[in-house]
Amino acid sequence: MDRNQIEKTLKEILVKRVAGLAPEAIAPDADLAELGVDSLAFSWILADMEDSFDIVMVGADAMKLKTLSLAADYVEKHLAH
């Protein structure tokens, strides 16, 4: 899976979990909290990421995923293993 597909999938997850969020409003470096991602939505987003990419999120690492770009970096790294 290439970087563009990873980002597209992440945007789909965000749009699904944050009411009123449009994919085109999600810049790679936008802070997820500023986009409306609260702690409950973040929990669901992490679960969706695990399901979509068949990875296991590590709690300490998950807390570092503050932007779409950082989340995509994390997924890319773990898909390479």
N, C-alpha and C. Protein backbone atom coordinates (compact mmCIF):
# COMPACT_ATOMS: atom_id res chain seq x y z
N MET A 1 0.86 -1.18 0.00
CA MET A 1 0.00 0.00 0.00
C MET A 1 0.90 1.24 0.00
N ASP A 2 0.65 2.15 -0.93
CA ASP A 2 1.48 3.34 -1.01
C ASP A 2 0.98 4.46 -0.09
N ARG A 3 1.79 5.48 0.04
CA ARG A 3 1.51 6.59 0.97
C ARG A 3 0.16 7.25 0.65
N ASN A 4 -0.14 7.47 -0.62
CA ASN A 4 -1.41 8.11 -0.98
C ASN A 4 -2.61 7.29 -0.54
N GLN A 5 -2.52 5.97 -0.70
CA GLN A 5 -3.62 5.10 -0.28
C GLN A 5 -3.76 5.09 1.24
N ILE A 6 -2.64 5.11 1.94
CA ILE A 6 -2.67 5.16 3.40
C ILE A 6 -3.38 6.44 3.85
N GLU A 7 -2.98 7.57 3.28
CA GLU A 7 -3.59 8.85 3.66
C GLU A 7 -5.07 8.89 3.30
N LYS A 8 -5.42 8.34 2.15
CA LYS A 8 -6.84 8.29 1.74
C LYS A 8 -7.66 7.48 2.75
N THR A 9 -7.14 6.33 3.15
CA THR A 9 -7.83 5.49 4.11
C THR A 9 -7.94 6.19 5.47
N LEU A 10 -6.88 6.85 5.89
CA LEU A 10 -6.92 7.59 7.15
C LEU A 10 -7.95 8.71 7.11
N LYS A 11 -8.03 9.41 5.99
CA LYS A 11 -9.03 10.47 5.85
C LYS A 11 -10.44 9.89 5.93
N GLU A 12 -10.66 8.74 5.30
CA GLU A 12 -11.97 8.09 5.36
C GLU A 12 -12.33 7.74 6.80
N ILE A 13 -11.35 7.26 7.56
CA ILE A 13 -11.58 6.93 8.96
C ILE A 13 -11.95 8.19 9.75
N LEU A 14 -11.20 9.25 9.54
CA LEU A 14 -11.47 10.51 10.25
C LEU A 14 -12.86 11.05 9.94
N VAL A 15 -13.23 11.04 8.67
CA VAL A 15 -14.54 11.54 8.26
C VAL A 15 -15.65 10.70 8.88
N LYS A 16 -15.42 9.40 8.98
CA LYS A 16 -16.40 8.49 9.58
C LYS A 16 -16.60 8.79 11.07
N ARG A 17 -15.53 9.18 11.76
CA ARG A 17 -15.57 9.33 13.22
C ARG A 17 -15.76 10.75 13.73
N VAL A 18 -15.62 11.75 12.85
CA VAL A 18 -15.77 13.15 13.28
C VAL A 18 -16.91 13.78 12.48
N ALA A 19 -17.99 14.06 13.16
CA ALA A 19 -19.18 14.63 12.50
C ALA A 19 -18.85 15.95 11.82
N GLY A 20 -19.29 16.06 10.57
CA GLY A 20 -19.14 17.31 9.83
C GLY A 20 -17.77 17.56 9.22
N LEU A 21 -16.87 16.60 9.34
CA LEU A 21 -15.53 16.77 8.79
C LEU A 21 -15.50 16.29 7.34
N ALA A 22 -14.99 17.14 6.45
CA ALA A 22 -14.89 16.79 5.03
C ALA A 22 -13.45 16.38 4.72
N PRO A 23 -13.26 15.38 3.85
CA PRO A 23 -11.90 14.92 3.53
C PRO A 23 -10.98 16.04 3.04
N GLU A 24 -11.53 16.95 2.26
CA GLU A 24 -10.69 18.03 1.71
C GLU A 24 -10.26 19.03 2.78
N ALA A 25 -10.88 18.98 3.95
CA ALA A 25 -10.52 19.88 5.05
C ALA A 25 -9.36 19.33 5.88
N ILE A 26 -8.90 18.12 5.57
CA ILE A 26 -7.87 17.47 6.37
C ILE A 26 -6.51 17.65 5.71
N ALA A 27 -5.77 18.63 6.18
CA ALA A 27 -4.40 18.84 5.70
C ALA A 27 -3.48 17.86 6.41
N PRO A 28 -2.43 17.40 5.74
CA PRO A 28 -1.53 16.41 6.36
C PRO A 28 -0.99 16.82 7.73
N ASP A 29 -0.72 18.10 7.92
CA ASP A 29 -0.14 18.56 9.18
C ASP A 29 -1.14 19.23 10.11
N ALA A 30 -2.42 19.11 9.81
CA ALA A 30 -3.45 19.69 10.70
C ALA A 30 -3.51 18.89 12.00
N ASP A 31 -3.61 19.60 13.10
CA ASP A 31 -3.73 18.96 14.40
C ASP A 31 -5.09 18.26 14.49
N LEU A 32 -5.08 16.97 14.81
CA LEU A 32 -6.33 16.21 14.84
C LEU A 32 -7.31 16.78 15.86
N ALA A 33 -6.83 17.27 16.99
CA ALA A 33 -7.71 17.85 18.00
C ALA A 33 -8.43 19.08 17.44
N GLU A 34 -7.73 19.86 16.63
CA GLU A 34 -8.34 21.05 16.02
C GLU A 34 -9.37 20.68 14.97
N LEU A 35 -9.27 19.46 14.43
CA LEU A 35 -10.26 18.99 13.46
C LEU A 35 -11.51 18.43 14.14
N GLY A 36 -11.47 18.35 15.47
CA GLY A 36 -12.63 17.86 16.20
C GLY A 36 -12.49 16.46 16.76
N VAL A 37 -11.28 15.92 16.73
CA VAL A 37 -11.05 14.57 17.26
C VAL A 37 -10.91 14.67 18.77
N ASP A 38 -11.91 14.16 19.49
CA ASP A 38 -11.84 14.12 20.95
C ASP A 38 -11.34 12.74 21.38
N SER A 39 -11.26 12.50 22.68
CA SER A 39 -10.67 11.26 23.17
C SER A 39 -11.48 10.02 22.75
N LEU A 40 -12.79 10.13 22.74
CA LEU A 40 -13.62 9.00 22.31
C LEU A 40 -13.43 8.72 20.83
N ALA A 41 -13.48 9.76 20.01
CA ALA A 41 -13.27 9.59 18.57
C ALA A 41 -11.88 9.02 18.31
N PHE A 42 -10.88 9.48 19.06
CA PHE A 42 -9.51 9.00 18.87
C PHE A 42 -9.43 7.50 19.15
N SER A 43 -10.13 7.04 20.18
CA SER A 43 -10.16 5.60 20.49
C SER A 43 -10.73 4.81 19.33
N TRP A 44 -11.82 5.30 18.76
CA TRP A 44 -12.44 4.63 17.61
C TRP A 44 -11.54 4.68 16.39
N ILE A 45 -10.87 5.81 16.20
CA ILE A 45 -9.95 5.96 15.06
C ILE A 45 -8.81 4.96 15.16
N LEU A 46 -8.26 4.80 16.36
CA LEU A 46 -7.18 3.82 16.55
C LEU A 46 -7.67 2.42 16.23
N ALA A 47 -8.85 2.07 16.70
CA ALA A 47 -9.41 0.74 16.41
C ALA A 47 -9.63 0.56 14.91
N ASP A 48 -10.14 1.59 14.25
CA ASP A 48 -10.35 1.53 12.81
C ASP A 48 -9.01 1.37 12.06
N MET A 49 -7.98 2.06 12.55
CA MET A 49 -6.66 1.94 11.93
C MET A 49 -6.14 0.51 12.06
N GLU A 50 -6.31 -0.08 13.23
CA GLU A 50 -5.87 -1.46 13.42
C GLU A 50 -6.59 -2.40 12.45
N ASP A 51 -7.89 -2.21 12.33
CA ASP A 51 -8.68 -3.06 11.43
C ASP A 51 -8.32 -2.83 9.96
N SER A 52 -8.22 -1.58 9.57
CA SER A 52 -7.99 -1.24 8.16
C SER A 52 -6.61 -1.65 7.67
N PHE A 53 -5.61 -1.53 8.54
CA PHE A 53 -4.24 -1.79 8.12
C PHE A 53 -3.67 -3.08 8.69
N ASP A 54 -4.47 -3.80 9.47
CA ASP A 54 -4.05 -5.06 10.10
C ASP A 54 -2.74 -4.87 10.88
N ILE A 55 -2.76 -3.85 11.75
CA ILE A 55 -1.63 -3.58 12.62
C ILE A 55 -2.13 -3.53 14.06
N VAL A 56 -1.20 -3.60 15.00
CA VAL A 56 -1.53 -3.46 16.41
C VAL A 56 -0.89 -2.17 16.90
N MET A 57 -1.72 -1.29 17.43
CA MET A 57 -1.24 -0.01 17.93
C MET A 57 -0.68 -0.18 19.34
N VAL A 58 0.45 0.45 19.60
CA VAL A 58 1.05 0.48 20.93
C VAL A 58 0.61 1.78 21.59
N GLY A 59 0.08 1.68 22.80
CA GLY A 59 -0.49 2.84 23.49
C GLY A 59 0.40 4.06 23.49
N ALA A 60 1.66 3.90 23.86
CA ALA A 60 2.57 5.05 23.93
C ALA A 60 2.79 5.66 22.55
N ASP A 61 2.87 4.82 21.53
CA ASP A 61 3.04 5.32 20.16
C ASP A 61 1.78 6.03 19.67
N ALA A 62 0.63 5.47 20.01
CA ALA A 62 -0.64 6.03 19.56
C ALA A 62 -0.82 7.47 20.03
N MET A 63 -0.33 7.77 21.21
CA MET A 63 -0.49 9.12 21.74
C MET A 63 0.34 10.15 20.97
N LYS A 64 1.29 9.69 20.17
CA LYS A 64 2.13 10.60 19.37
C LYS A 64 1.49 10.95 18.03
N LEU A 65 0.38 10.31 17.69
CA LEU A 65 -0.26 10.50 16.39
C LEU A 65 -1.15 11.74 16.43
N LYS A 66 -0.53 12.89 16.31
CA LYS A 66 -1.24 14.16 16.45
C LYS A 66 -1.73 14.74 15.13
N THR A 67 -1.20 14.22 14.00
CA THR A 67 -1.59 14.72 12.68
C THR A 67 -1.80 13.55 11.73
N LEU A 68 -2.42 13.81 10.61
CA LEU A 68 -2.60 12.79 9.57
C LEU A 68 -1.25 12.30 9.09
N SER A 69 -0.31 13.21 8.91
CA SER A 69 1.02 12.86 8.43
C SER A 69 1.74 11.92 9.41
N LEU A 70 1.66 12.21 10.70
CA LEU A 70 2.29 11.35 11.70
C LEU A 70 1.62 9.98 11.74
N ALA A 71 0.31 9.96 11.59
CA ALA A 71 -0.41 8.68 11.56
C ALA A 71 0.00 7.87 10.33
N ALA A 72 0.12 8.53 9.19
CA ALA A 72 0.54 7.85 7.96
C ALA A 72 1.96 7.31 8.09
N ASP A 73 2.84 8.10 8.73
CA ASP A 73 4.21 7.63 8.97
C ASP A 73 4.19 6.36 9.81
N TYR A 74 3.38 6.35 10.85
CA TYR A 74 3.29 5.19 11.74
C TYR A 74 2.81 3.96 10.98
N VAL A 75 1.76 4.14 10.18
CA VAL A 75 1.22 3.02 9.40
C VAL A 75 2.27 2.51 8.41
N GLU A 76 2.91 3.42 7.69
CA GLU A 76 3.94 3.03 6.72
C GLU A 76 5.03 2.20 7.38
N LYS A 77 5.49 2.66 8.53
CA LYS A 77 6.55 1.96 9.26
C LYS A 77 6.11 0.55 9.64
N HIS A 78 4.87 0.41 10.10
CA HIS A 78 4.41 -0.89 10.58
C HIS A 78 3.97 -1.82 9.45
N LEU A 79 3.63 -1.29 8.31
CA LEU A 79 3.30 -2.13 7.17
C LEU A 79 4.59 -2.68 6.54
N ALA A 80 5.69 -2.01 6.75
CA ALA A 80 6.96 -2.44 6.17
C ALA A 80 7.51 -3.69 6.88
N HIS A 81 7.02 -3.98 8.07
CA HIS A 81 7.52 -5.15 8.82
C HIS A 81 6.88 -6.42 8.38
